[in-house]
């Protein structure tokens, strides 16, 4: 049992060291800006694409099922 405790403690220390390295990473605003520009560019491309016909069919089916039926 002590051996498992030691493994857990070692794993915890490794995780803490990794977290500490991530927290102390130098700030690089130009990299963050570049990532933001690329993400916006990609999102803009996707947002301008038409909705696939299959999605429209599924939305219409869902709407038909959820709307109240009219009495004659």
Protein backbone atom coordinates (compact mmCIF):
# COMPACT_ATOMS: atom_id res chain seq x y z
CA UNK A 1 0.00 0.00 0.00
CA UNK A 2 2.84 2.39 0.75
CA UNK A 3 4.13 1.84 -2.77
CA UNK A 4 0.84 3.06 -4.26
CA UNK A 5 0.98 6.11 -2.04
CA UNK A 6 4.47 6.91 -3.30
CA UNK A 7 3.32 6.57 -6.93
CA UNK A 8 0.43 8.91 -6.24
CA UNK A 9 2.71 11.44 -4.59
CA UNK A 10 5.17 11.27 -7.51
CA UNK A 11 2.37 11.69 -10.03
CA UNK A 12 1.01 14.65 -8.08
CA UNK A 13 4.44 16.31 -8.02
CA UNK A 14 4.85 15.84 -11.79
CA UNK A 15 1.42 17.34 -12.40
CA UNK A 16 2.21 20.30 -10.14
CA UNK A 17 5.49 20.93 -11.98
CA UNK A 18 3.72 20.87 -15.37
CA UNK A 19 1.03 23.22 -14.11
CA UNK A 20 3.67 25.55 -12.69
CA UNK A 21 5.47 25.65 -16.05
CA UNK A 22 2.21 26.46 -17.85
CA UNK A 23 1.37 29.22 -15.39
CA UNK A 24 4.78 30.84 -15.82
CA UNK A 25 4.86 30.73 -19.62
CA UNK A 26 5.99 34.03 -21.06
CA UNK A 27 3.23 36.19 -22.47
CA UNK A 28 3.46 36.46 -26.22
CA UNK A 29 0.70 38.81 -27.34
CA UNK A 30 1.66 38.56 -31.01
CA UNK A 31 1.06 34.81 -30.94
CA UNK A 32 -2.30 35.30 -29.23
CA UNK A 33 -3.24 37.90 -31.84
CA UNK A 34 -2.26 35.57 -34.68
CA UNK A 35 -4.29 32.72 -33.20
CA UNK A 36 -7.27 35.06 -32.81
CA UNK A 37 -6.99 36.26 -36.41
CA UNK A 38 -6.79 32.71 -37.74
CA UNK A 39 -9.75 31.55 -35.64
CA UNK A 40 -11.86 34.54 -36.77
CA UNK A 41 -10.93 33.87 -40.39
CA UNK A 42 -11.87 30.21 -40.09
CA UNK A 43 -15.13 31.00 -38.29
CA UNK A 44 -16.08 33.62 -40.89
CA UNK A 45 -15.58 31.05 -43.65
CA UNK A 46 -17.74 28.48 -41.89
CA UNK A 47 -20.44 31.01 -40.98
CA UNK A 48 -20.90 32.08 -44.60
CA UNK A 49 -21.42 28.54 -45.88
CA UNK A 50 -25.01 27.54 -46.64
CA UNK A 51 -26.84 25.21 -44.27
CA UNK A 52 -26.75 21.67 -45.70
CA UNK A 53 -30.07 20.42 -47.09
CA UNK A 54 -30.10 17.48 -44.68
CA UNK A 55 -29.95 19.85 -41.70
CA UNK A 56 -32.81 21.90 -43.12
CA UNK A 57 -34.87 18.73 -43.55
CA UNK A 58 -34.20 17.71 -39.96
CA UNK A 59 -35.11 21.18 -38.68
CA UNK A 60 -38.37 21.11 -40.66
CA UNK A 61 -39.22 17.68 -39.24
CA UNK A 62 -38.52 18.85 -35.71
CA UNK A 63 -40.60 21.96 -36.20
CA UNK A 64 -43.52 19.93 -37.62
CA UNK A 65 -43.46 17.61 -34.59
CA UNK A 66 -43.26 20.38 -32.02
CA UNK A 67 -45.85 22.76 -33.47
CA UNK A 68 -49.46 22.28 -32.26
CA UNK A 69 -51.79 20.65 -34.74
CA UNK A 70 -54.60 22.83 -36.04
CA UNK A 71 -58.18 21.55 -35.82
CA UNK A 72 -60.32 21.70 -39.00
